[in-house]
């Protein structure tokens, strides 16, 4: 741990599963607002790190690549409460991407049909069409 409260994790030479475990442990134990410097030795570990980071609130402060290693600096952000997200997480995500195609309240009846074979008049034959 550095004097200013930042944490440094050296994952060079670690195999990917061990490196991801060490990273997640360090990141979970950190307080929000603190920074974490991660040293990675190979491209595969870097790719997996950013996959794991999708689950955590963070801000990327710096990314530096050299011939022998990668340096990543992150700031842990505060977790948003469910009230900040407007309810359940799935509802928030669905608002971002629009209504789910199978949601009968959001999609008109004619567009819910997946069968391209319709009557000549373009209707499916149900009472709603």
N, C-alpha and C. Protein backbone atom coordinates (compact mmCIF):
# COMPACT_ATOMS: atom_id res chain seq x y z
N UNK A 1 0.83 -1.18 0.00
CA UNK A 1 0.00 0.00 0.00
C UNK A 1 0.87 1.24 0.00
N UNK A 2 0.51 2.21 -0.81
CA UNK A 2 1.29 3.43 -0.90
C UNK A 2 0.89 4.40 0.20
N UNK A 3 1.69 5.42 0.41
CA UNK A 3 1.44 6.38 1.48
C UNK A 3 0.15 7.16 1.26
N UNK A 4 -0.23 7.42 0.01
CA UNK A 4 -1.44 8.22 -0.25
C UNK A 4 -2.70 7.38 -0.24
N UNK A 5 -2.63 6.12 0.13
CA UNK A 5 -3.81 5.27 0.25
C UNK A 5 -4.10 4.45 -0.98
N UNK A 6 -3.33 4.63 -2.06
CA UNK A 6 -3.55 3.83 -3.26
C UNK A 6 -2.96 2.44 -3.08
N UNK A 7 -3.55 1.49 -3.78
CA UNK A 7 -3.11 0.11 -3.68
C UNK A 7 -2.46 -0.30 -4.99
N UNK A 8 -1.40 -1.07 -4.90
CA UNK A 8 -0.71 -1.56 -6.09
C UNK A 8 -0.70 -3.08 -6.04
N UNK A 9 -1.17 -3.70 -7.15
CA UNK A 9 -1.21 -5.15 -7.24
C UNK A 9 -0.37 -5.56 -8.45
N UNK A 10 0.64 -6.36 -8.21
CA UNK A 10 1.52 -6.84 -9.29
C UNK A 10 1.09 -8.25 -9.67
N UNK A 11 0.49 -8.38 -10.84
CA UNK A 11 -0.01 -9.68 -11.31
C UNK A 11 0.88 -10.28 -12.40
N UNK A 12 2.03 -9.67 -12.62
CA UNK A 12 2.95 -10.21 -13.63
C UNK A 12 3.44 -11.57 -13.17
N UNK A 13 3.42 -12.53 -14.08
CA UNK A 13 3.87 -13.87 -13.76
C UNK A 13 2.80 -14.77 -13.17
N UNK A 14 1.64 -14.23 -12.87
CA UNK A 14 0.54 -15.04 -12.33
C UNK A 14 -0.27 -15.62 -13.48
N UNK A 15 -0.77 -16.84 -13.29
CA UNK A 15 -1.66 -17.39 -14.30
C UNK A 15 -3.01 -16.67 -14.19
N UNK A 16 -3.78 -16.69 -15.27
CA UNK A 16 -4.99 -15.87 -15.35
C UNK A 16 -5.97 -16.11 -14.19
N UNK A 17 -6.34 -17.35 -13.86
CA UNK A 17 -7.30 -17.53 -12.77
C UNK A 17 -6.81 -16.96 -11.43
N UNK A 18 -5.55 -17.16 -11.13
CA UNK A 18 -4.99 -16.65 -9.88
C UNK A 18 -4.94 -15.13 -9.92
N UNK A 19 -4.55 -14.57 -11.05
CA UNK A 19 -4.50 -13.11 -11.19
C UNK A 19 -5.88 -12.49 -10.99
N UNK A 20 -6.93 -13.11 -11.55
CA UNK A 20 -8.28 -12.57 -11.40
C UNK A 20 -8.77 -12.68 -9.96
N UNK A 21 -8.41 -13.75 -9.27
CA UNK A 21 -8.77 -13.88 -7.86
C UNK A 21 -8.08 -12.82 -7.01
N UNK A 22 -6.80 -12.60 -7.26
CA UNK A 22 -6.06 -11.58 -6.51
C UNK A 22 -6.63 -10.19 -6.77
N UNK A 23 -6.96 -9.92 -8.03
CA UNK A 23 -7.54 -8.62 -8.37
C UNK A 23 -8.88 -8.42 -7.68
N UNK A 24 -9.78 -9.40 -7.80
CA UNK A 24 -11.12 -9.23 -7.20
C UNK A 24 -11.04 -9.08 -5.69
N UNK A 25 -10.15 -9.81 -5.05
CA UNK A 25 -9.98 -9.67 -3.61
C UNK A 25 -9.52 -8.26 -3.24
N UNK A 26 -8.52 -7.76 -3.95
CA UNK A 26 -8.00 -6.42 -3.68
C UNK A 26 -9.07 -5.36 -3.96
N UNK A 27 -9.81 -5.51 -5.05
CA UNK A 27 -10.80 -4.51 -5.43
C UNK A 27 -11.97 -4.50 -4.46
N UNK A 28 -12.40 -5.66 -4.01
CA UNK A 28 -13.51 -5.73 -3.05
C UNK A 28 -13.13 -5.13 -1.71
N UNK A 29 -11.89 -5.32 -1.28
CA UNK A 29 -11.45 -4.81 0.01
C UNK A 29 -11.19 -3.31 0.00
N UNK A 30 -11.08 -2.73 -1.18
CA UNK A 30 -10.83 -1.29 -1.30
C UNK A 30 -12.06 -0.49 -0.90
N UNK A 31 -11.81 0.70 -0.38
CA UNK A 31 -12.90 1.63 -0.12
C UNK A 31 -13.18 2.40 -1.40
N UNK A 32 -14.42 2.80 -1.57
CA UNK A 32 -14.79 3.60 -2.74
C UNK A 32 -14.03 4.93 -2.71
N UNK A 33 -13.62 5.38 -3.87
CA UNK A 33 -12.84 6.61 -3.98
C UNK A 33 -11.34 6.38 -4.02
N UNK A 34 -10.88 5.22 -3.61
CA UNK A 34 -9.45 4.90 -3.64
C UNK A 34 -9.05 4.44 -5.03
N UNK A 35 -7.76 4.48 -5.30
CA UNK A 35 -7.27 4.05 -6.61
C UNK A 35 -6.47 2.75 -6.47
N UNK A 36 -6.47 2.01 -7.56
CA UNK A 36 -5.78 0.73 -7.62
C UNK A 36 -4.91 0.73 -8.86
N UNK A 37 -3.64 0.43 -8.69
CA UNK A 37 -2.72 0.28 -9.81
C UNK A 37 -2.45 -1.21 -9.99
N UNK A 38 -2.67 -1.69 -11.21
CA UNK A 38 -2.51 -3.11 -11.51
C UNK A 38 -1.43 -3.26 -12.56
N UNK A 39 -0.49 -4.15 -12.32
CA UNK A 39 0.56 -4.46 -13.28
C UNK A 39 0.28 -5.85 -13.85
N UNK A 40 0.15 -5.93 -15.16
CA UNK A 40 -0.17 -7.18 -15.84
C UNK A 40 0.96 -7.56 -16.77
N UNK A 41 1.23 -8.86 -16.86
CA UNK A 41 2.35 -9.32 -17.66
C UNK A 41 2.01 -9.76 -19.07
N UNK A 42 0.74 -10.06 -19.35
CA UNK A 42 0.42 -10.56 -20.68
C UNK A 42 -0.95 -10.07 -21.14
N UNK A 43 -1.19 -10.20 -22.44
CA UNK A 43 -2.41 -9.71 -23.07
C UNK A 43 -3.64 -10.46 -22.58
N UNK A 44 -3.55 -11.76 -22.40
CA UNK A 44 -4.69 -12.56 -21.96
C UNK A 44 -5.19 -12.12 -20.59
N UNK A 45 -4.28 -11.83 -19.69
CA UNK A 45 -4.66 -11.35 -18.36
C UNK A 45 -5.34 -9.99 -18.47
N UNK A 46 -4.85 -9.13 -19.35
CA UNK A 46 -5.46 -7.81 -19.56
C UNK A 46 -6.89 -7.96 -20.06
N UNK A 47 -7.11 -8.83 -21.03
CA UNK A 47 -8.45 -9.04 -21.59
C UNK A 47 -9.40 -9.56 -20.51
N UNK A 48 -8.96 -10.52 -19.72
CA UNK A 48 -9.79 -11.07 -18.67
C UNK A 48 -10.06 -10.06 -17.55
N UNK A 49 -9.10 -9.20 -17.28
CA UNK A 49 -9.29 -8.17 -16.27
C UNK A 49 -10.47 -7.28 -16.64
N UNK A 50 -10.51 -6.83 -17.89
CA UNK A 50 -11.58 -5.93 -18.30
C UNK A 50 -12.93 -6.66 -18.39
N UNK A 51 -12.91 -7.97 -18.60
CA UNK A 51 -14.16 -8.74 -18.54
C UNK A 51 -14.68 -8.78 -17.10
N UNK A 52 -13.79 -9.00 -16.15
CA UNK A 52 -14.18 -9.05 -14.75
C UNK A 52 -14.64 -7.68 -14.26
N UNK A 53 -14.01 -6.64 -14.75
CA UNK A 53 -14.35 -5.28 -14.31
C UNK A 53 -15.77 -4.87 -14.68
N UNK A 54 -16.39 -5.52 -15.64
CA UNK A 54 -17.77 -5.17 -16.01
C UNK A 54 -18.73 -5.27 -14.84
N UNK A 55 -18.40 -6.10 -13.87
CA UNK A 55 -19.28 -6.32 -12.73
C UNK A 55 -19.09 -5.28 -11.62
N UNK A 56 -18.11 -4.40 -11.75
CA UNK A 56 -17.78 -3.47 -10.68
C UNK A 56 -17.90 -2.02 -11.14
N UNK A 57 -18.25 -1.13 -10.22
CA UNK A 57 -18.26 0.30 -10.56
C UNK A 57 -16.84 0.86 -10.45
N UNK A 58 -16.31 1.38 -11.55
CA UNK A 58 -14.95 1.89 -11.53
C UNK A 58 -14.80 2.98 -12.59
N UNK A 59 -13.72 3.74 -12.45
CA UNK A 59 -13.34 4.73 -13.45
C UNK A 59 -11.92 4.41 -13.88
N UNK A 60 -11.71 4.30 -15.17
CA UNK A 60 -10.37 4.04 -15.69
C UNK A 60 -9.60 5.35 -15.71
N UNK A 61 -8.54 5.42 -14.93
CA UNK A 61 -7.74 6.64 -14.84
C UNK A 61 -6.59 6.65 -15.82
N UNK A 62 -5.96 5.49 -16.03
CA UNK A 62 -4.79 5.43 -16.89
C UNK A 62 -4.59 4.01 -17.38
N UNK A 63 -4.15 3.90 -18.62
CA UNK A 63 -3.77 2.61 -19.18
C UNK A 63 -2.48 2.84 -19.96
N UNK A 64 -1.44 2.11 -19.56
CA UNK A 64 -0.13 2.28 -20.19
C UNK A 64 0.39 0.92 -20.59
N UNK A 65 0.83 0.82 -21.84
CA UNK A 65 1.33 -0.44 -22.37
C UNK A 65 2.80 -0.28 -22.74
N UNK A 66 3.63 -1.20 -22.27
CA UNK A 66 5.03 -1.24 -22.67
C UNK A 66 5.29 -2.58 -23.35
N UNK A 67 6.52 -2.82 -23.73
CA UNK A 67 6.85 -4.10 -24.37
C UNK A 67 6.74 -5.27 -23.40
N UNK A 68 6.95 -5.03 -22.12
CA UNK A 68 7.00 -6.14 -21.17
C UNK A 68 5.79 -6.24 -20.23
N UNK A 69 5.00 -5.18 -20.08
CA UNK A 69 3.85 -5.26 -19.16
C UNK A 69 2.83 -4.17 -19.47
N UNK A 70 1.67 -4.31 -18.82
CA UNK A 70 0.60 -3.32 -18.89
C UNK A 70 0.41 -2.72 -17.51
N UNK A 71 0.12 -1.42 -17.46
CA UNK A 71 -0.18 -0.76 -16.19
C UNK A 71 -1.59 -0.16 -16.31
N UNK A 72 -2.46 -0.52 -15.38
CA UNK A 72 -3.84 -0.04 -15.37
C UNK A 72 -4.08 0.64 -14.04
N UNK A 73 -4.61 1.86 -14.08
CA UNK A 73 -4.98 2.57 -12.85
C UNK A 73 -6.49 2.79 -12.85
N UNK A 74 -7.14 2.39 -11.77
CA UNK A 74 -8.59 2.49 -11.62
C UNK A 74 -8.95 3.21 -10.34
N UNK A 75 -10.09 3.85 -10.35
CA UNK A 75 -10.66 4.40 -9.12
C UNK A 75 -11.96 3.66 -8.86
N UNK A 76 -12.09 3.13 -7.68
CA UNK A 76 -13.33 2.43 -7.32
C UNK A 76 -14.40 3.47 -7.04
N UNK A 77 -15.55 3.29 -7.70
CA UNK A 77 -16.65 4.21 -7.50
C UNK A 77 -17.64 3.63 -6.51
N UNK A 78 -18.52 4.50 -6.03
CA UNK A 78 -19.55 4.06 -5.10
C UNK A 78 -20.58 3.26 -5.86
N UNK A 79 -21.07 2.21 -5.23
CA UNK A 79 -22.10 1.39 -5.82
C UNK A 79 -23.41 2.16 -5.79
N UNK A 80 -24.13 2.11 -6.88
CA UNK A 80 -25.43 2.76 -6.91
C UNK A 80 -26.44 1.88 -6.18
N UNK A 81 -27.29 2.51 -5.40
CA UNK A 81 -28.33 1.74 -4.72
C UNK A 81 -29.44 1.41 -5.70
N UNK A 82 -30.31 0.50 -5.33
CA UNK A 82 -31.41 0.13 -6.22
C UNK A 82 -32.34 1.30 -6.46
N UNK A 83 -32.43 2.24 -5.49
CA UNK A 83 -33.27 3.42 -5.69
C UNK A 83 -32.68 4.32 -6.76
N UNK A 84 -31.35 4.43 -6.83
CA UNK A 84 -30.71 5.24 -7.85
C UNK A 84 -30.92 4.66 -9.23
N UNK A 85 -31.02 3.33 -9.31
CA UNK A 85 -31.20 2.68 -10.60
C UNK A 85 -32.65 2.67 -11.03
N UNK A 86 -33.56 3.07 -10.15
CA UNK A 86 -34.96 3.07 -10.52
C UNK A 86 -35.61 1.71 -10.38
N UNK A 87 -35.16 0.91 -9.47
CA UNK A 87 -35.77 -0.40 -9.28
C UNK A 87 -34.79 -1.50 -9.56
N UNK A 88 -35.30 -2.57 -10.13
CA UNK A 88 -34.45 -3.71 -10.42
C UNK A 88 -33.49 -3.40 -11.55
N UNK A 89 -32.36 -4.07 -11.54
CA UNK A 89 -31.33 -3.83 -12.55
C UNK A 89 -31.84 -4.18 -13.95
N UNK A 90 -32.57 -5.28 -14.10
CA UNK A 90 -33.06 -5.68 -15.41
C UNK A 90 -33.97 -4.64 -16.02
N UNK A 91 -34.81 -4.00 -15.21
CA UNK A 91 -35.68 -2.97 -15.73
C UNK A 91 -34.86 -1.78 -16.23
N UNK A 92 -33.81 -1.44 -15.51
CA UNK A 92 -32.96 -0.34 -15.94
C UNK A 92 -32.29 -0.66 -17.27
N UNK A 93 -31.78 -1.87 -17.39
CA UNK A 93 -31.13 -2.25 -18.64
C UNK A 93 -32.13 -2.25 -19.79
N UNK A 94 -33.33 -2.72 -19.55
CA UNK A 94 -34.33 -2.78 -20.60
C UNK A 94 -34.72 -1.38 -21.05
N UNK A 95 -34.72 -0.40 -20.16
CA UNK A 95 -35.02 0.96 -20.56
C UNK A 95 -33.96 1.48 -21.52
N UNK A 96 -32.72 1.08 -21.31
CA UNK A 96 -31.63 1.54 -22.17
C UNK A 96 -31.73 0.96 -23.58
N UNK A 97 -32.17 -0.26 -23.70
CA UNK A 97 -32.19 -0.92 -25.02
C UNK A 97 -33.58 -0.97 -25.63
N UNK A 98 -34.60 -0.46 -24.95
CA UNK A 98 -35.95 -0.47 -25.48
C UNK A 98 -36.72 -1.66 -24.97
N UNK A 99 -37.98 -1.78 -25.38
CA UNK A 99 -38.81 -2.86 -24.87
C UNK A 99 -38.34 -4.22 -25.37
N UNK A 100 -38.58 -5.22 -24.57
CA UNK A 100 -38.26 -6.59 -24.96
C UNK A 100 -39.23 -7.00 -26.06
N UNK A 101 -38.74 -7.68 -27.09
CA UNK A 101 -39.61 -8.02 -28.22
C UNK A 101 -40.82 -8.86 -27.85
N UNK A 102 -40.74 -9.60 -26.76
CA UNK A 102 -41.86 -10.47 -26.38
C UNK A 102 -42.81 -9.80 -25.41
N UNK A 103 -42.55 -8.57 -25.03
CA UNK A 103 -43.41 -7.87 -24.10
C UNK A 103 -44.68 -7.44 -24.82
N UNK A 104 -45.79 -8.11 -24.53
CA UNK A 104 -47.03 -7.89 -25.28
C UNK A 104 -47.58 -6.48 -25.09
N UNK A 105 -47.26 -5.84 -23.99
CA UNK A 105 -47.77 -4.49 -23.76
C UNK A 105 -47.03 -3.45 -24.58
N UNK A 106 -45.83 -3.76 -25.06
CA UNK A 106 -45.01 -2.79 -25.76
C UNK A 106 -45.00 -2.96 -27.27
N UNK A 107 -45.23 -4.17 -27.75
CA UNK A 107 -45.09 -4.46 -29.18
C UNK A 107 -46.48 -4.68 -29.78
N UNK A 108 -46.81 -4.00 -30.87
CA UNK A 108 -48.11 -4.22 -31.50
C UNK A 108 -48.31 -5.68 -31.87
N UNK A 109 -49.57 -6.11 -31.86
CA UNK A 109 -49.90 -7.51 -32.08
C UNK A 109 -49.31 -8.05 -33.38
N UNK A 110 -49.47 -7.34 -34.47
CA UNK A 110 -49.01 -7.83 -35.77
C UNK A 110 -47.51 -8.04 -35.81
N UNK A 111 -46.75 -7.27 -35.04
CA UNK A 111 -45.29 -7.39 -35.07
C UNK A 111 -44.79 -8.53 -34.18
N UNK A 112 -45.65 -9.11 -33.35
CA UNK A 112 -45.23 -10.21 -32.48
C UNK A 112 -45.18 -11.53 -33.22
N UNK A 113 -45.78 -11.61 -34.40
CA UNK A 113 -45.81 -12.85 -35.16
C UNK A 113 -44.47 -13.10 -35.82
N UNK A 114 -43.97 -14.30 -35.62
CA UNK A 114 -42.69 -14.66 -36.21
C UNK A 114 -42.87 -15.45 -37.49
N UNK A 115 -44.10 -15.82 -37.81
CA UNK A 115 -44.38 -16.60 -39.00
C UNK A 115 -44.54 -15.66 -40.19
N UNK A 116 -43.65 -15.72 -41.17
CA UNK A 116 -43.77 -14.81 -42.30
C UNK A 116 -44.94 -15.15 -43.22
N UNK A 117 -45.49 -16.36 -43.10
CA UNK A 117 -46.63 -16.74 -43.94
C UNK A 117 -47.91 -16.20 -43.33
N UNK A 118 -48.43 -15.22 -43.94
CA UNK A 118 -49.68 -14.64 -43.49
C UNK A 118 -50.68 -14.69 -44.62
N UNK A 119 -51.90 -14.41 -44.31
CA UNK A 119 -52.92 -14.35 -45.36
C UNK A 119 -52.57 -13.23 -46.32
N UNK A 120 -53.16 -13.26 -47.46
CA UNK A 120 -52.84 -12.27 -48.49
C UNK A 120 -53.10 -10.84 -48.03
N UNK A 121 -54.07 -10.65 -47.14
CA UNK A 121 -54.35 -9.31 -46.69
C UNK A 121 -53.38 -8.83 -45.61
N UNK A 122 -52.40 -9.67 -45.24
CA UNK A 122 -51.37 -9.27 -44.27
C UNK A 122 -51.79 -9.49 -42.83
N UNK A 123 -52.97 -10.06 -42.63
CA UNK A 123 -53.44 -10.29 -41.27
C UNK A 123 -53.25 -11.75 -40.89
N UNK A 124 -53.13 -11.99 -39.61
CA UNK A 124 -52.86 -13.35 -39.15
C UNK A 124 -54.12 -14.16 -38.92
N UNK A 125 -55.28 -13.53 -38.83
CA UNK A 125 -56.52 -14.25 -38.62
C UNK A 125 -57.02 -14.17 -37.20
N UNK A 126 -56.28 -13.59 -36.28
CA UNK A 126 -56.76 -13.46 -34.91
C UNK A 126 -57.74 -12.29 -34.84
N UNK A 127 -58.45 -12.20 -33.73
CA UNK A 127 -59.43 -11.13 -33.58
C UNK A 127 -58.78 -9.77 -33.50
N UNK A 128 -57.54 -9.68 -33.05
CA UNK A 128 -56.87 -8.40 -32.88
C UNK A 128 -56.41 -7.81 -34.21
N UNK A 129 -56.26 -8.62 -35.24
CA UNK A 129 -55.76 -8.11 -36.52
C UNK A 129 -56.85 -7.56 -37.37
